[in-house]
Amino acid sequence: MNEGVNGMVTDTGEPASDSVLHDLGSRIREIRLQQDMTLQDLSARCQVSIAMLSHIERGRSTPSIKVLDRIRIGLGVPFGAFFEKNEVLKPEPEAHVIMRREQRPVLRFDATGLTKELLSPVRGTQLEMMELCLKPGGHSGEEPWRRVGEKCGMVLTGSFSLTIGSTSYELREGDAFQFDSSTPHSFQNTFAGESRILWIILSREFG
């Protein structure tokens, strides 16, 4: 993926037929149409090219986490809105309180070896809780993340390197962290096997 003119992100991804990718594109399109927003409108808001947005919505291109975050901000939704829909019916009264293990929606980024499992039982709030699964060498992407709010969490298994600004920290199983997420940050698995991290986000972008 390359940066085009005026900071627009252009599409250099290869066509993909993966059902997960297609479902993600369909969810983005559904949210956009619910807001009566055209591709041109969304492109202007998130600074992602119309061509790339079209390819993503049709499941023909894989968005990086950075690009997906731009789209999220353009749509004005939390990251959890992009997770796979789960058809498991949640019994009342726990539907808005409990997320059972078998009910977790999943979002996969195969190119970077990262999988996100949504732990929050309610979507659309300022607080999001996830479990990140990093394959050996898995990472957050080529560009650092940033969003208005705070992030915190704990290493459940394995180890990973967390870079906040210009400082890197090595965290092992049981270590916890908290930081201002408006500071550019990134992470990478430093364990020989799979690492799992509890990841909590408090967003102040839309509230």
C-alpha atoms as a PDB file:
ATOM      1  CA  MET A   1       0.000   0.000   0.000  1.00  0.00           C
ATOM      2  CA  ASN A   2       1.340   3.445  -0.987  1.00  0.00           C
ATOM      3  CA  GLU A   3       0.472   6.994  -0.019  1.00  0.00           C
ATOM      4  CA  GLY A   4      -0.992   8.894  -2.927  1.00  0.00           C
ATOM      5  CA  VAL A   5      -1.441  12.608  -3.484  1.00  0.00           C
ATOM      6  CA  ASN A   6      -2.763  14.697  -0.603  1.00  0.00           C
ATOM      7  CA  GLY A   7      -2.152  11.816   1.795  1.00  0.00           C
ATOM      8  CA  MET A   8      -4.775   9.625   0.169  1.00  0.00           C
ATOM      9  CA  VAL A   9      -4.170   5.883   0.490  1.00  0.00           C
ATOM     10  CA  THR A  10      -4.134   4.119  -2.870  1.00  0.00           C
ATOM     11  CA  ASP A  11      -4.853   0.470  -3.546  1.00  0.00           C
ATOM     12  CA  THR A  12      -1.983  -1.840  -4.347  1.00  0.00           C
ATOM     13  CA  GLY A  13      -3.472  -4.917  -2.693  1.00  0.00           C
ATOM     14  CA  GLU A  14      -4.039  -8.127  -4.580  1.00  0.00           C
ATOM     15  CA  PRO A  15      -7.550  -9.486  -5.205  1.00  0.00           C
ATOM     16  CA  ALA A  16      -8.753 -11.743  -2.424  1.00  0.00           C
ATOM     17  CA  SER A  17     -11.606 -14.220  -2.225  1.00  0.00           C
ATOM     18  CA  ASP A  18     -11.427 -15.004   1.492  1.00  0.00           C
ATOM     19  CA  SER A  19     -14.894 -14.971   3.068  1.00  0.00           C
ATOM     20  CA  VAL A  20     -13.627 -13.055   6.100  1.00  0.00           C
ATOM     21  CA  LEU A  21     -12.377 -10.303   3.814  1.00  0.00           C
ATOM     22  CA  HIS A  22     -15.685 -10.243   1.942  1.00  0.00           C
ATOM     23  CA  ASP A  23     -17.641 -10.036   5.215  1.00  0.00           C
ATOM     24  CA  LEU A  24     -15.518  -7.115   6.398  1.00  0.00           C
ATOM     25  CA  GLY A  25     -16.157  -5.231   3.166  1.00  0.00           C
ATOM     26  CA  SER A  26     -19.881  -5.925   3.430  1.00  0.00           C
ATOM     27  CA  ARG A  27     -19.974  -4.570   6.989  1.00  0.00           C
ATOM     28  CA  ILE A  28     -18.192  -1.379   5.944  1.00  0.00           C
ATOM     29  CA  ARG A  29     -20.630  -0.880   3.075  1.00  0.00           C
ATOM     30  CA  GLU A  30     -23.615  -1.582   5.340  1.00  0.00           C
ATOM     31  CA  ILE A  31     -22.486   1.006   7.903  1.00  0.00           C
ATOM     32  CA  ARG A  32     -21.775   3.565   5.170  1.00  0.00           C
ATOM     33  CA  LEU A  33     -25.221   3.124   3.590  1.00  0.00           C
ATOM     34  CA  GLN A  34     -26.934   3.290   6.974  1.00  0.00           C
ATOM     35  CA  GLN A  35     -25.427   6.756   7.308  1.00  0.00           C
ATOM     36  CA  ASP A  36     -26.564   7.718   3.794  1.00  0.00           C
ATOM     37  CA  MET A  37     -22.918   8.266   2.879  1.00  0.00           C
ATOM     38  CA  THR A  38     -21.430   7.877  -0.618  1.00  0.00           C
ATOM     39  CA  LEU A  39     -17.981   6.472  -1.333  1.00  0.00           C
ATOM     40  CA  GLN A  40     -16.949  10.032  -2.186  1.00  0.00           C
ATOM     41  CA  ASP A  41     -18.186  11.239   1.219  1.00  0.00           C
ATOM     42  CA  LEU A  42     -16.320   8.519   3.088  1.00  0.00           C
ATOM     43  CA  SER A  43     -13.159   9.057   1.030  1.00  0.00           C
ATOM     44  CA  ALA A  44     -13.136  12.756   1.925  1.00  0.00           C
ATOM     45  CA  ARG A  45     -13.621  11.967   5.617  1.00  0.00           C
ATOM     46  CA  CYS A  46     -11.043   9.219   6.012  1.00  0.00           C
ATOM     47  CA  GLN A  47      -8.506  10.194   3.318  1.00  0.00           C
ATOM     48  CA  VAL A  48      -8.610   6.769   1.697  1.00  0.00           C
ATOM     49  CA  SER A  49      -9.015   6.716  -2.094  1.00  0.00           C
ATOM     50  CA  ILE A  50     -12.418   5.940  -3.601  1.00  0.00           C
ATOM     51  CA  ALA A  51     -10.860   3.123  -5.620  1.00  0.00           C
ATOM     52  CA  MET A  52      -9.433   1.455  -2.542  1.00  0.00           C
ATOM     53  CA  LEU A  53     -12.678   1.850  -0.570  1.00  0.00           C
ATOM     54  CA  SER A  54     -14.538   0.233  -3.459  1.00  0.00           C
ATOM     55  CA  HIS A  55     -12.090  -2.693  -3.585  1.00  0.00           C
ATOM     56  CA  ILE A  56     -12.332  -3.175   0.193  1.00  0.00           C
ATOM     57  CA  GLU A  57     -16.134  -3.149   0.161  1.00  0.00           C
ATOM     58  CA  ARG A  58     -16.170  -5.750  -2.620  1.00  0.00           C
ATOM     59  CA  GLY A  59     -13.691  -7.968  -0.764  1.00  0.00           C
ATOM     60  CA  ARG A  60     -10.990  -7.538  -3.395  1.00  0.00           C
ATOM     61  CA  SER A  61      -8.394  -5.792  -1.235  1.00  0.00           C
ATOM     62  CA  THR A  62      -7.149  -6.271   2.306  1.00  0.00           C
ATOM     63  CA  PRO A  63      -7.042  -3.067   4.374  1.00  0.00           C
ATOM     64  CA  SER A  64      -4.173  -2.638   6.796  1.00  0.00           C
ATOM     65  CA  ILE A  65      -5.100  -1.930  10.412  1.00  0.00           C
ATOM     66  CA  LYS A  66      -4.038   1.675   9.854  1.00  0.00           C
ATOM     67  CA  VAL A  67      -6.355   2.083   6.859  1.00  0.00           C
ATOM     68  CA  LEU A  68      -9.191   0.315   8.675  1.00  0.00           C
ATOM     69  CA  ASP A  69      -8.746   2.742  11.556  1.00  0.00           C
ATOM     70  CA  ARG A  70      -9.049   5.671   9.135  1.00  0.00           C
ATOM     71  CA  ILE A  71     -12.261   4.181   7.777  1.00  0.00           C
ATOM     72  CA  ARG A  72     -13.561   3.674  11.322  1.00  0.00           C
ATOM     73  CA  ILE A  73     -12.959   7.336  12.144  1.00  0.00           C
ATOM     74  CA  GLY A  74     -14.562   8.417   8.867  1.00  0.00           C
ATOM     75  CA  LEU A  75     -17.674   6.383   9.694  1.00  0.00           C
ATOM     76  CA  GLY A  76     -17.661   7.523  13.316  1.00  0.00           C
ATOM     77  CA  VAL A  77     -17.865   4.003  14.755  1.00  0.00           C
ATOM     78  CA  PRO A  78     -15.801   1.993  17.260  1.00  0.00           C
ATOM     79  CA  PHE A  79     -13.458  -0.707  15.995  1.00  0.00           C
ATOM     80  CA  GLY A  80     -15.843  -3.361  17.292  1.00  0.00           C
ATOM     81  CA  ALA A  81     -18.317  -2.465  14.533  1.00  0.00           C
ATOM     82  CA  PHE A  82     -16.069  -4.279  12.026  1.00  0.00           C
ATOM     83  CA  PHE A  83     -15.982  -7.643  13.781  1.00  0.00           C
ATOM     84  CA  GLU A  84     -17.618 -10.708  12.287  1.00  0.00           C
ATOM     85  CA  LYS A  85     -21.287 -10.990  13.080  1.00  0.00           C
ATOM     86  CA  ASN A  86     -21.974 -13.846  15.455  1.00  0.00           C
ATOM     87  CA  GLU A  87     -25.310 -15.605  15.119  1.00  0.00           C
ATOM     88  CA  VAL A  88     -25.167 -17.209  18.584  1.00  0.00           C
ATOM     89  CA  LEU A  89     -28.261 -16.036  20.451  1.00  0.00           C
ATOM     90  CA  LYS A  90     -27.494 -14.561  23.856  1.00  0.00           C
ATOM     91  CA  PRO A  91     -30.066 -15.363  26.530  1.00  0.00           C
ATOM     92  CA  GLU A  92     -31.546 -12.511  28.524  1.00  0.00           C
ATOM     93  CA  PRO A  93     -30.690 -10.905  30.891  1.00  0.00           C
ATOM     94  CA  GLU A  94     -26.994 -11.534  30.150  1.00  0.00           C
ATOM     95  CA  ALA A  95     -27.058 -10.333  26.516  1.00  0.00           C
ATOM     96  CA  HIS A  96     -25.677  -6.876  27.344  1.00  0.00           C
ATOM     97  CA  VAL A  97     -23.528  -7.938  30.297  1.00  0.00           C
ATOM     98  CA  ILE A  98     -21.729 -11.190  29.435  1.00  0.00           C
ATOM     99  CA  MET A  99     -19.680 -12.322  26.423  1.00  0.00           C
ATOM    100  CA  ARG A 100     -19.293 -16.106  26.445  1.00  0.00           C
ATOM    101  CA  ARG A 101     -16.083 -17.541  24.999  1.00  0.00           C
ATOM    102  CA  GLU A 102     -17.900 -19.288  22.149  1.00  0.00           C
ATOM    103  CA  GLN A 103     -19.710 -16.044  21.241  1.00  0.00           C
ATOM    104  CA  ARG A 104     -16.648 -13.877  20.607  1.00  0.00           C
ATOM    105  CA  PRO A 105     -16.683 -12.083  17.228  1.00  0.00           C
ATOM    106  CA  VAL A 106     -13.322 -12.236  15.429  1.00  0.00           C
ATOM    107  CA  LEU A 107     -11.375  -9.925  13.126  1.00  0.00           C
ATOM    108  CA  ARG A 108      -8.295 -11.363  11.366  1.00  0.00           C
ATOM    109  CA  PHE A 109      -5.318  -9.611   9.788  1.00  0.00           C
ATOM    110  CA  ASP A 110      -3.461 -12.477   8.135  1.00  0.00           C
ATOM    111  CA  ALA A 111      -0.841 -10.221   6.529  1.00  0.00           C
ATOM    112  CA  THR A 112       0.456  -9.116   9.931  1.00  0.00           C
ATOM    113  CA  GLY A 113      -0.257 -12.309  11.898  1.00  0.00           C
ATOM    114  CA  LEU A 114      -2.779 -10.581  14.168  1.00  0.00           C
ATOM    115  CA  THR A 115      -6.233 -11.738  15.262  1.00  0.00           C
ATOM    116  CA  LYS A 116      -8.571  -9.673  17.425  1.00  0.00           C
ATOM    117  CA  GLU A 117     -11.342 -11.283  19.459  1.00  0.00           C
ATOM    118  CA  LEU A 118     -13.989  -8.902  20.778  1.00  0.00           C
ATOM    119  CA  LEU A 119     -14.649  -9.427  24.493  1.00  0.00           C
ATOM    120  CA  SER A 120     -17.038  -6.518  25.070  1.00  0.00           C
ATOM    121  CA  PRO A 121     -20.655  -7.747  25.183  1.00  0.00           C
ATOM    122  CA  VAL A 122     -21.982  -4.356  24.027  1.00  0.00           C
ATOM    123  CA  ARG A 123     -20.788  -2.531  20.903  1.00  0.00           C
ATOM    124  CA  GLY A 124     -20.936   1.182  20.184  1.00  0.00           C
ATOM    125  CA  THR A 125     -19.647   2.362  23.570  1.00  0.00           C
ATOM    126  CA  GLN A 126     -16.465   4.291  24.357  1.00  0.00           C
ATOM    127  CA  LEU A 127     -14.985   1.247  26.108  1.00  0.00           C
ATOM    128  CA  GLU A 128     -13.813  -1.741  24.055  1.00  0.00           C
ATOM    129  CA  MET A 129     -12.169  -4.885  25.401  1.00  0.00           C
ATOM    130  CA  MET A 130     -10.398  -7.364  23.132  1.00  0.00           C
ATOM    131  CA  GLU A 131      -7.984 -10.262  23.211  1.00  0.00           C
ATOM    132  CA  LEU A 132      -5.185  -9.958  20.679  1.00  0.00           C
ATOM    133  CA  CYS A 133      -3.574 -13.110  19.321  1.00  0.00           C
ATOM    134  CA  LEU A 134      -0.161 -12.604  17.721  1.00  0.00           C
ATOM    135  CA  LYS A 135       1.477 -15.354  15.699  1.00  0.00           C
ATOM    136  CA  PRO A 136       5.289 -15.643  15.844  1.00  0.00           C
ATOM    137  CA  GLY A 137       6.577 -12.417  14.302  1.00  0.00           C
ATOM    138  CA  GLY A 138       3.055 -10.955  14.269  1.00  0.00           C
ATOM    139  CA  HIS A 139       2.782  -7.180  14.595  1.00  0.00           C
ATOM    140  CA  SER A 140       0.434  -4.195  14.470  1.00  0.00           C
ATOM    141  CA  GLY A 141       1.370  -3.077  10.959  1.00  0.00           C
ATOM    142  CA  GLU A 142       3.906  -0.937   9.139  1.00  0.00           C
ATOM    143  CA  GLU A 143       2.598   2.358  10.531  1.00  0.00           C
ATOM    144  CA  PRO A 144       2.047   3.268  14.205  1.00  0.00           C
ATOM    145  CA  TRP A 145      -1.500   3.617  15.528  1.00  0.00           C
ATOM    146  CA  ARG A 146      -2.975   6.606  17.325  1.00  0.00           C
ATOM    147  CA  ARG A 147      -6.438   7.557  18.575  1.00  0.00           C
ATOM    148  CA  VAL A 148      -7.851  10.000  21.112  1.00  0.00           C
ATOM    149  CA  GLY A 149      -8.184   8.150  24.405  1.00  0.00           C
ATOM    150  CA  GLU A 150      -6.321   5.604  26.510  1.00  0.00           C
ATOM    151  CA  LYS A 151      -5.238   2.001  26.119  1.00  0.00           C
ATOM    152  CA  CYS A 152      -4.284  -0.542  28.738  1.00  0.00           C
ATOM    153  CA  GLY A 153      -3.978  -4.271  29.080  1.00  0.00           C
ATOM    154  CA  MET A 154      -1.927  -7.255  30.192  1.00  0.00           C
ATOM    155  CA  VAL A 155       0.116 -10.006  28.581  1.00  0.00           C
ATOM    156  CA  LEU A 156      -1.838 -13.232  29.073  1.00  0.00           C
ATOM    157  CA  THR A 157       0.675 -15.586  27.435  1.00  0.00           C
ATOM    158  CA  GLY A 158       3.988 -15.118  25.619  1.00  0.00           C
ATOM    159  CA  SER A 159       5.718 -11.749  25.296  1.00  0.00           C
ATOM    160  CA  PHE A 160       5.654  -8.694  23.064  1.00  0.00           C
ATOM    161  CA  SER A 161       7.414  -5.413  22.410  1.00  0.00           C
ATOM    162  CA  LEU A 162       5.308  -2.283  22.862  1.00  0.00           C
ATOM    163  CA  THR A 163       6.628   0.942  21.333  1.00  0.00           C
ATOM    164  CA  ILE A 164       5.066   4.218  22.519  1.00  0.00           C
ATOM    165  CA  GLY A 165       6.492   7.276  20.806  1.00  0.00           C
ATOM    166  CA  SER A 166      10.227   6.665  20.623  1.00  0.00           C
ATOM    167  CA  THR A 167      10.407   4.282  23.611  1.00  0.00           C
ATOM    168  CA  SER A 168      10.096   0.492  23.402  1.00  0.00           C
ATOM    169  CA  TYR A 169       9.131  -1.794  26.294  1.00  0.00           C
ATOM    170  CA  GLU A 170       9.523  -5.561  26.511  1.00  0.00           C
ATOM    171  CA  LEU A 171       6.565  -7.140  28.271  1.00  0.00           C
ATOM    172  CA  ARG A 172       6.267 -10.731  29.449  1.00  0.00           C
ATOM    173  CA  GLU A 173       3.402 -12.867  30.730  1.00  0.00           C
ATOM    174  CA  GLY A 174       1.669 -11.103  33.624  1.00  0.00           C
ATOM    175  CA  ASP A 175       3.045  -7.630  32.799  1.00  0.00           C
ATOM    176  CA  ALA A 176       0.466  -4.844  32.448  1.00  0.00           C
ATOM    177  CA  PHE A 177       0.505  -1.488  30.656  1.00  0.00           C
ATOM    178  CA  GLN A 178      -1.456   1.755  30.265  1.00  0.00           C
ATOM    179  CA  PHE A 179      -0.780   4.794  28.045  1.00  0.00           C
ATOM    180  CA  ASP A 180      -2.234   7.793  26.205  1.00  0.00           C
ATOM    181  CA  SER A 181      -3.269   6.320  22.856  1.00  0.00           C
ATOM    182  CA  SER A 182      -2.958   9.665  21.040  1.00  0.00           C
ATOM    183  CA  THR A 183       0.804   8.990  21.142  1.00  0.00           C
ATOM    184  CA  PRO A 184       1.855   6.923  18.084  1.00  0.00           C
ATOM    185  CA  HIS A 185       2.313   3.311  19.148  1.00  0.00           C
ATOM    186  CA  SER A 186       2.945  -0.134  17.729  1.00  0.00           C
ATOM    187  CA  PHE A 187       3.707  -3.659  18.916  1.00  0.00           C
ATOM    188  CA  GLN A 188       5.269  -6.950  17.822  1.00  0.00           C
ATOM    189  CA  ASN A 189       5.332 -10.491  19.148  1.00  0.00           C
ATOM    190  CA  THR A 190       8.776 -11.368  20.548  1.00  0.00           C
ATOM    191  CA  PHE A 191       7.831 -14.868  21.662  1.00  0.00           C
ATOM    192  CA  ALA A 192       8.776 -18.021  19.758  1.00  0.00           C
ATOM    193  CA  GLY A 193       5.146 -19.111  19.841  1.00  0.00           C
ATOM    194  CA  GLU A 194       1.782 -17.414  19.962  1.00  0.00           C
ATOM    195  CA  SER A 195       1.276 -14.456  22.300  1.00  0.00           C
ATOM    196  CA  ARG A 196      -2.084 -13.331  23.672  1.00  0.00           C
ATOM    197  CA  ILE A 197      -2.715  -9.855  25.072  1.00  0.00           C
ATOM    198  CA  LEU A 198      -5.724  -8.412  26.869  1.00  0.00           C
ATOM    199  CA  TRP A 199      -6.282  -5.071  25.099  1.00  0.00           C
ATOM    200  CA  ILE A 200      -8.655  -2.418  26.475  1.00  0.00           C
ATOM    201  CA  ILE A 201      -9.474   0.826  24.661  1.00  0.00           C
ATOM    202  CA  LEU A 202     -11.163   3.915  26.088  1.00  0.00           C
ATOM    203  CA  SER A 203     -11.992   6.153  23.138  1.00  0.00           C
ATOM    204  CA  ARG A 204     -12.832   9.844  23.455  1.00  0.00           C
ATOM    205  CA  GLU A 205     -13.206  10.497  19.733  1.00  0.00           C
ATOM    206  CA  PHE A 206     -16.976  10.426  19.525  1.00  0.00           C
ATOM    207  CA  GLY A 207     -18.090  11.360  23.017  1.00  0.00           C
END
